[in-house]
Amino acid sequence: MPQLPALAPTSNCPSLACRAPVGQPHTEECETAVCLPTGEQRILHRGDRLADLLDHDCGQDTWTGQHYGIAECQEYGWYVRRATSSDPDGAAWVPCEPNHPNAVPDLDRLARHGVWHPADRRWYRRAEGAARG
């Protein structure tokens, strides 16, 4: 099971390759840092030939105390929980209410149904994002 982001803010980045304190830049090896133009994990852009061709610069992300996307999932009420054998469709994760004891922010839904705004450094629901231009 992948490591899930903490809901509560933390004073240091949880990436063992980073551990940046709040307000400080992430290291190049950090798994948590995001690409500021795209909102994706910066580490996914390593060796990205398209990024190299476009002279892509991910920018310098700093640790805010919380993973990007957590606040937006909380704001939109987008949560999931690990599926159990009693869930009918066989999915690994199922949507749930925020008050479910096993609820975690649905970052996958945020990536699918949200739009990243680099200037704001946050995700908006697709309809809101389109309206912001």
N, C-alpha and C. Protein backbone atom coordinates (compact mmCIF):
# COMPACT_ATOMS: atom_id res chain seq x y z
N MET A 1 0.85 -1.18 0.00
CA MET A 1 0.00 0.00 0.00
C MET A 1 0.89 1.24 0.00
N PRO A 2 0.59 2.23 -0.85
CA PRO A 2 1.42 3.44 -0.88
C PRO A 2 1.28 4.23 0.41
N GLN A 3 2.33 5.00 0.70
CA GLN A 3 2.28 5.85 1.88
C GLN A 3 1.30 6.99 1.59
N LEU A 4 0.37 7.20 2.49
CA LEU A 4 -0.63 8.25 2.31
C LEU A 4 -0.17 9.53 2.99
N PRO A 5 -0.49 10.67 2.40
CA PRO A 5 -0.10 11.93 3.01
C PRO A 5 -0.81 12.16 4.33
N ALA A 6 -0.12 12.80 5.24
CA ALA A 6 -0.70 13.12 6.55
C ALA A 6 -1.74 14.22 6.39
N LEU A 7 -2.83 14.11 7.13
CA LEU A 7 -3.86 15.14 7.09
C LEU A 7 -3.44 16.38 7.86
N ALA A 8 -2.80 16.19 8.98
CA ALA A 8 -2.39 17.32 9.80
C ALA A 8 -1.07 17.89 9.27
N PRO A 9 -0.92 19.19 9.31
CA PRO A 9 0.36 19.79 8.89
C PRO A 9 1.52 19.27 9.73
N THR A 10 2.69 19.22 9.10
CA THR A 10 3.90 18.78 9.80
C THR A 10 4.98 19.85 9.65
N SER A 11 5.87 19.91 10.61
CA SER A 11 6.89 20.95 10.59
C SER A 11 8.00 20.67 9.57
N ASN A 12 8.15 19.41 9.17
CA ASN A 12 9.16 19.06 8.17
C ASN A 12 8.54 18.22 7.07
N CYS A 13 9.06 18.37 5.87
CA CYS A 13 8.62 17.55 4.75
C CYS A 13 8.79 16.08 5.13
N PRO A 14 7.80 15.24 4.85
CA PRO A 14 7.89 13.83 5.24
C PRO A 14 8.85 13.00 4.37
N SER A 15 9.30 13.53 3.25
CA SER A 15 10.22 12.79 2.40
C SER A 15 11.56 12.62 3.12
N LEU A 16 11.98 11.38 3.27
CA LEU A 16 13.26 11.12 3.94
C LEU A 16 14.44 11.69 3.16
N ALA A 17 14.26 11.90 1.87
CA ALA A 17 15.31 12.47 1.03
C ALA A 17 15.33 14.00 1.14
N CYS A 18 14.42 14.57 1.90
CA CYS A 18 14.29 16.02 1.94
C CYS A 18 14.29 16.56 3.37
N ARG A 19 13.18 16.36 4.08
CA ARG A 19 12.98 16.82 5.46
C ARG A 19 13.06 18.34 5.60
N ALA A 20 12.75 19.09 4.53
CA ALA A 20 12.79 20.55 4.58
C ALA A 20 11.82 21.07 5.62
N PRO A 21 12.24 22.06 6.41
CA PRO A 21 11.30 22.68 7.35
C PRO A 21 10.34 23.61 6.61
N VAL A 22 9.23 23.96 7.24
CA VAL A 22 8.23 24.86 6.65
C VAL A 22 8.93 26.12 6.16
N GLY A 23 8.59 26.52 4.92
CA GLY A 23 9.14 27.73 4.34
C GLY A 23 10.46 27.56 3.63
N GLN A 24 11.04 26.37 3.70
CA GLN A 24 12.33 26.12 3.04
C GLN A 24 12.13 25.28 1.78
N PRO A 25 13.02 25.43 0.80
CA PRO A 25 12.88 24.67 -0.45
C PRO A 25 13.10 23.17 -0.24
N HIS A 26 12.40 22.39 -1.04
CA HIS A 26 12.60 20.94 -1.06
C HIS A 26 13.93 20.64 -1.74
N THR A 27 14.51 19.49 -1.43
CA THR A 27 15.73 19.05 -2.12
C THR A 27 15.37 18.53 -3.50
N GLU A 28 16.35 18.37 -4.36
CA GLU A 28 16.12 17.84 -5.71
C GLU A 28 15.60 16.41 -5.67
N GLU A 29 15.92 15.64 -4.63
CA GLU A 29 15.52 14.24 -4.53
C GLU A 29 14.17 14.05 -3.87
N CYS A 30 13.52 15.11 -3.47
CA CYS A 30 12.28 15.03 -2.71
C CYS A 30 11.15 14.41 -3.53
N GLU A 31 10.44 13.46 -2.93
CA GLU A 31 9.28 12.83 -3.57
C GLU A 31 8.01 13.64 -3.38
N THR A 32 8.03 14.62 -2.50
CA THR A 32 6.85 15.40 -2.16
C THR A 32 6.74 16.69 -2.97
N ALA A 33 7.85 17.27 -3.37
CA ALA A 33 7.86 18.56 -4.08
C ALA A 33 7.06 18.47 -5.37
N VAL A 34 6.39 19.56 -5.71
CA VAL A 34 5.60 19.60 -6.93
C VAL A 34 6.27 20.50 -7.97
N CYS A 35 5.94 20.21 -9.22
CA CYS A 35 6.32 21.06 -10.34
C CYS A 35 5.36 22.24 -10.30
N LEU A 36 5.86 23.43 -10.13
CA LEU A 36 4.97 24.58 -9.97
C LEU A 36 4.12 24.88 -11.21
N PRO A 37 4.61 24.68 -12.44
CA PRO A 37 3.73 24.91 -13.59
C PRO A 37 2.63 23.87 -13.77
N THR A 38 2.85 22.62 -13.34
CA THR A 38 1.88 21.56 -13.62
C THR A 38 1.14 21.03 -12.41
N GLY A 39 1.69 21.18 -11.21
CA GLY A 39 1.08 20.62 -10.00
C GLY A 39 1.38 19.15 -9.80
N GLU A 40 2.12 18.53 -10.73
CA GLU A 40 2.51 17.12 -10.60
C GLU A 40 3.71 17.00 -9.68
N GLN A 41 3.97 15.78 -9.22
CA GLN A 41 5.17 15.56 -8.43
C GLN A 41 6.38 15.89 -9.29
N ARG A 42 7.26 16.72 -8.76
CA ARG A 42 8.44 17.15 -9.51
C ARG A 42 9.33 15.97 -9.90
N ILE A 43 9.41 14.98 -9.03
CA ILE A 43 10.29 13.83 -9.28
C ILE A 43 9.86 13.06 -10.53
N LEU A 44 8.57 13.18 -10.92
CA LEU A 44 8.10 12.50 -12.12
C LEU A 44 8.67 13.12 -13.39
N HIS A 45 9.19 14.33 -13.30
CA HIS A 45 9.72 15.02 -14.47
C HIS A 45 11.20 14.74 -14.71
N ARG A 46 11.83 14.00 -13.84
CA ARG A 46 13.23 13.64 -14.06
C ARG A 46 13.35 12.79 -15.32
N GLY A 47 14.23 13.19 -16.18
CA GLY A 47 14.44 12.42 -17.40
C GLY A 47 13.28 12.56 -18.38
N ASP A 48 12.40 13.51 -18.14
CA ASP A 48 11.25 13.72 -19.01
C ASP A 48 11.74 14.40 -20.28
N ARG A 49 11.76 13.66 -21.38
CA ARG A 49 12.30 14.20 -22.63
C ARG A 49 11.49 15.38 -23.13
N LEU A 50 10.17 15.34 -22.98
CA LEU A 50 9.35 16.46 -23.41
C LEU A 50 9.72 17.71 -22.61
N ALA A 51 9.89 17.54 -21.29
CA ALA A 51 10.27 18.68 -20.45
C ALA A 51 11.61 19.23 -20.91
N ASP A 52 12.55 18.34 -21.24
CA ASP A 52 13.86 18.78 -21.72
C ASP A 52 13.72 19.54 -23.03
N LEU A 53 12.90 19.05 -23.94
CA LEU A 53 12.71 19.70 -25.23
C LEU A 53 12.06 21.08 -25.08
N LEU A 54 11.16 21.20 -24.13
CA LEU A 54 10.47 22.47 -23.92
C LEU A 54 11.22 23.40 -22.98
N ASP A 55 12.42 22.99 -22.58
CA ASP A 55 13.20 23.76 -21.61
C ASP A 55 12.36 24.02 -20.36
N HIS A 56 11.71 22.97 -19.89
CA HIS A 56 10.79 23.01 -18.77
C HIS A 56 11.53 23.25 -17.46
N ASP A 57 11.06 24.19 -16.68
CA ASP A 57 11.62 24.47 -15.37
C ASP A 57 10.52 24.24 -14.35
N CYS A 58 10.72 23.29 -13.44
CA CYS A 58 9.70 22.97 -12.43
C CYS A 58 9.59 24.04 -11.35
N GLY A 59 10.53 24.94 -11.27
CA GLY A 59 10.50 25.96 -10.23
C GLY A 59 10.99 25.42 -8.91
N GLN A 60 11.05 26.27 -7.91
CA GLN A 60 11.54 25.88 -6.58
C GLN A 60 10.39 25.84 -5.60
N ASP A 61 9.88 24.64 -5.37
CA ASP A 61 8.79 24.43 -4.43
C ASP A 61 9.32 24.47 -3.00
N THR A 62 8.55 25.02 -2.10
CA THR A 62 8.93 25.04 -0.69
C THR A 62 7.89 24.25 0.12
N TRP A 63 8.33 23.71 1.23
CA TRP A 63 7.44 22.95 2.11
C TRP A 63 6.54 23.92 2.87
N THR A 64 5.23 23.72 2.75
CA THR A 64 4.25 24.59 3.40
C THR A 64 3.75 24.01 4.73
N GLY A 65 4.09 22.77 4.98
CA GLY A 65 3.58 22.09 6.17
C GLY A 65 2.57 21.02 5.83
N GLN A 66 2.12 21.01 4.57
CA GLN A 66 1.12 20.03 4.14
C GLN A 66 1.29 19.74 2.65
N HIS A 67 1.01 18.49 2.27
CA HIS A 67 1.05 18.11 0.87
C HIS A 67 0.10 18.97 0.06
N TYR A 68 0.50 19.31 -1.16
CA TYR A 68 -0.43 19.99 -2.06
C TYR A 68 -1.63 19.09 -2.30
N GLY A 69 -2.81 19.69 -2.36
CA GLY A 69 -4.03 18.95 -2.66
C GLY A 69 -4.85 18.55 -1.45
N ILE A 70 -4.22 18.42 -0.29
CA ILE A 70 -4.95 17.99 0.91
C ILE A 70 -6.04 19.01 1.26
N ALA A 71 -5.67 20.28 1.30
CA ALA A 71 -6.65 21.32 1.67
C ALA A 71 -7.81 21.37 0.68
N GLU A 72 -7.50 21.19 -0.61
CA GLU A 72 -8.55 21.22 -1.62
C GLU A 72 -9.49 20.03 -1.48
N CYS A 73 -8.95 18.84 -1.23
CA CYS A 73 -9.81 17.67 -1.01
C CYS A 73 -10.70 17.88 0.20
N GLN A 74 -10.16 18.46 1.25
CA GLN A 74 -10.96 18.75 2.43
C GLN A 74 -12.04 19.77 2.10
N GLU A 75 -11.69 20.80 1.36
CA GLU A 75 -12.65 21.84 0.98
C GLU A 75 -13.78 21.28 0.13
N TYR A 76 -13.46 20.39 -0.81
CA TYR A 76 -14.46 19.83 -1.73
C TYR A 76 -15.15 18.59 -1.17
N GLY A 77 -14.68 18.08 -0.03
CA GLY A 77 -15.28 16.89 0.56
C GLY A 77 -14.95 15.63 -0.22
N TRP A 78 -13.80 15.60 -0.89
CA TRP A 78 -13.40 14.46 -1.71
C TRP A 78 -12.51 13.52 -0.88
N TYR A 79 -13.11 12.41 -0.45
CA TYR A 79 -12.42 11.42 0.37
C TYR A 79 -12.66 10.02 -0.17
N VAL A 80 -11.73 9.14 0.13
CA VAL A 80 -11.86 7.73 -0.18
C VAL A 80 -11.42 6.93 1.03
N ARG A 81 -11.77 5.66 0.99
CA ARG A 81 -11.29 4.72 2.01
C ARG A 81 -10.90 3.45 1.30
N ARG A 82 -10.07 2.66 1.94
CA ARG A 82 -9.67 1.37 1.40
C ARG A 82 -10.89 0.49 1.29
N ALA A 83 -11.08 -0.16 0.15
CA ALA A 83 -12.22 -1.06 -0.03
C ALA A 83 -12.07 -2.30 0.85
N THR A 84 -13.20 -2.86 1.23
CA THR A 84 -13.21 -4.09 2.01
C THR A 84 -13.89 -5.18 1.19
N SER A 85 -13.87 -6.38 1.68
CA SER A 85 -14.50 -7.50 0.97
C SER A 85 -16.01 -7.31 0.83
N SER A 86 -16.60 -6.47 1.66
CA SER A 86 -18.04 -6.24 1.58
C SER A 86 -18.42 -5.20 0.50
N ASP A 87 -17.43 -4.53 -0.09
CA ASP A 87 -17.72 -3.57 -1.15
C ASP A 87 -17.96 -4.32 -2.45
N PRO A 88 -19.03 -3.99 -3.17
CA PRO A 88 -19.47 -4.80 -4.31
C PRO A 88 -18.62 -4.74 -5.57
N ASP A 89 -17.99 -3.62 -5.89
CA ASP A 89 -17.38 -3.51 -7.21
C ASP A 89 -15.95 -4.00 -7.32
N GLY A 90 -15.32 -4.35 -6.25
CA GLY A 90 -13.96 -4.88 -6.30
C GLY A 90 -12.89 -3.82 -6.46
N ALA A 91 -13.23 -2.54 -6.34
CA ALA A 91 -12.25 -1.47 -6.44
C ALA A 91 -11.35 -1.48 -5.21
N ALA A 92 -10.15 -0.96 -5.37
CA ALA A 92 -9.22 -0.87 -4.25
C ALA A 92 -9.60 0.26 -3.29
N TRP A 93 -10.15 1.34 -3.85
CA TRP A 93 -10.55 2.49 -3.06
C TRP A 93 -11.98 2.84 -3.41
N VAL A 94 -12.76 3.28 -2.43
CA VAL A 94 -14.14 3.69 -2.68
C VAL A 94 -14.38 5.06 -2.05
N PRO A 95 -15.18 5.90 -2.70
CA PRO A 95 -15.51 7.20 -2.12
C PRO A 95 -16.21 7.03 -0.78
N CYS A 96 -15.99 7.98 0.10
CA CYS A 96 -16.64 7.93 1.41
C CYS A 96 -16.82 9.35 1.93
N GLU A 97 -17.54 9.45 3.02
CA GLU A 97 -17.75 10.73 3.68
C GLU A 97 -16.49 11.11 4.48
N PRO A 98 -16.25 12.39 4.67
CA PRO A 98 -15.07 12.83 5.42
C PRO A 98 -15.01 12.30 6.85
N ASN A 99 -16.16 12.00 7.44
CA ASN A 99 -16.18 11.53 8.83
C ASN A 99 -15.99 10.03 8.96
N HIS A 100 -15.82 9.32 7.85
CA HIS A 100 -15.56 7.88 7.94
C HIS A 100 -14.23 7.68 8.66
N PRO A 101 -14.13 6.70 9.56
CA PRO A 101 -12.89 6.54 10.34
C PRO A 101 -11.65 6.23 9.49
N ASN A 102 -11.83 5.70 8.29
CA ASN A 102 -10.68 5.38 7.43
C ASN A 102 -10.55 6.32 6.24
N ALA A 103 -11.22 7.47 6.30
CA ALA A 103 -11.20 8.41 5.17
C ALA A 103 -9.83 9.05 5.00
N VAL A 104 -9.41 9.16 3.74
CA VAL A 104 -8.21 9.89 3.37
C VAL A 104 -8.56 10.79 2.18
N PRO A 105 -7.85 11.90 2.00
CA PRO A 105 -8.14 12.78 0.87
C PRO A 105 -8.01 12.03 -0.46
N ASP A 106 -8.93 12.26 -1.37
CA ASP A 106 -8.94 11.60 -2.67
C ASP A 106 -8.13 12.42 -3.67
N LEU A 107 -6.81 12.31 -3.57
CA LEU A 107 -5.91 13.05 -4.45
C LEU A 107 -6.04 12.60 -5.90
N ASP A 108 -6.40 11.36 -6.11
CA ASP A 108 -6.60 10.86 -7.47
C ASP A 108 -7.78 11.59 -8.12
N ARG A 109 -8.87 11.73 -7.40
CA ARG A 109 -10.03 12.46 -7.92
C ARG A 109 -9.66 13.93 -8.19
N LEU A 110 -8.88 14.50 -7.31
CA LEU A 110 -8.45 15.88 -7.49
C LEU A 110 -7.66 16.03 -8.79
N ALA A 111 -6.77 15.09 -9.06
CA ALA A 111 -5.99 15.14 -10.30
C ALA A 111 -6.87 14.94 -11.53
N ARG A 112 -7.89 14.09 -11.42
CA ARG A 112 -8.79 13.82 -12.56
C ARG A 112 -9.80 14.94 -12.80
N HIS A 113 -10.33 15.51 -11.72
CA HIS A 113 -11.43 16.47 -11.83
C HIS A 113 -11.05 17.88 -11.42
N GLY A 114 -9.78 18.10 -11.20
CA GLY A 114 -9.33 19.43 -10.82
C GLY A 114 -8.43 20.02 -11.89
N VAL A 115 -8.15 21.27 -11.73
CA VAL A 115 -7.22 21.96 -12.62
C VAL A 115 -6.26 22.75 -11.72
N TRP A 116 -4.98 22.62 -12.01
CA TRP A 116 -3.93 23.27 -11.23
C TRP A 116 -3.73 24.70 -11.74
N HIS A 117 -3.64 25.64 -10.82
CA HIS A 117 -3.36 27.03 -11.17
C HIS A 117 -2.02 27.42 -10.55
N PRO A 118 -0.99 27.53 -11.41
CA PRO A 118 0.36 27.80 -10.90
C PRO A 118 0.46 29.09 -10.08
N ALA A 119 -0.20 30.15 -10.50
CA ALA A 119 -0.08 31.42 -9.77
C ALA A 119 -0.63 31.29 -8.35
N ASP A 120 -1.71 30.53 -8.19
CA ASP A 120 -2.33 30.34 -6.88
C ASP A 120 -1.69 29.19 -6.11
N ARG A 121 -0.96 28.32 -6.84
CA ARG A 121 -0.37 27.11 -6.25
C ARG A 121 -1.44 26.28 -5.53
N ARG A 122 -2.54 26.06 -6.23
CA ARG A 122 -3.62 25.24 -5.68
C ARG A 122 -4.45 24.66 -6.81
N TRP A 123 -5.27 23.66 -6.44
CA TRP A 123 -6.18 23.00 -7.35
C TRP A 123 -7.57 23.59 -7.20
N TYR A 124 -8.28 23.70 -8.30
CA TYR A 124 -9.69 24.09 -8.31
C TYR A 124 -10.49 22.99 -8.97
N ARG A 125 -11.75 22.87 -8.62
CA ARG A 125 -12.63 21.96 -9.36
C ARG A 125 -12.64 22.44 -10.80
N ARG A 126 -12.72 21.49 -11.72
CA ARG A 126 -12.59 21.82 -13.13
C ARG A 126 -13.48 23.00 -13.55
N ALA A 127 -14.74 23.05 -13.15
CA ALA A 127 -15.63 24.15 -13.53
C ALA A 127 -15.12 25.46 -12.97
N GLU A 128 -14.63 25.46 -11.70
CA GLU A 128 -14.10 26.68 -11.11
C GLU A 128 -12.81 27.10 -11.81
N GLY A 129 -11.98 26.10 -12.11
CA GLY A 129 -10.71 26.37 -12.77
C GLY A 129 -10.91 26.98 -14.15
N ALA A 130 -11.89 26.47 -14.89
CA ALA A 130 -12.17 27.00 -16.21
C ALA A 130 -12.64 28.44 -16.12
N ALA A 131 -13.41 28.75 -15.09
CA ALA A 131 -13.92 30.11 -14.92
C ALA A 131 -12.80 31.08 -14.56
N ARG A 132 -11.74 30.57 -13.92
CA ARG A 132 -10.63 31.44 -13.50
C ARG A 132 -9.70 31.74 -14.67
N GLY A 133 -9.78 30.92 -15.75
CA GLY A 133 -8.98 31.15 -16.94
C GLY A 133 -7.57 30.96 -16.69
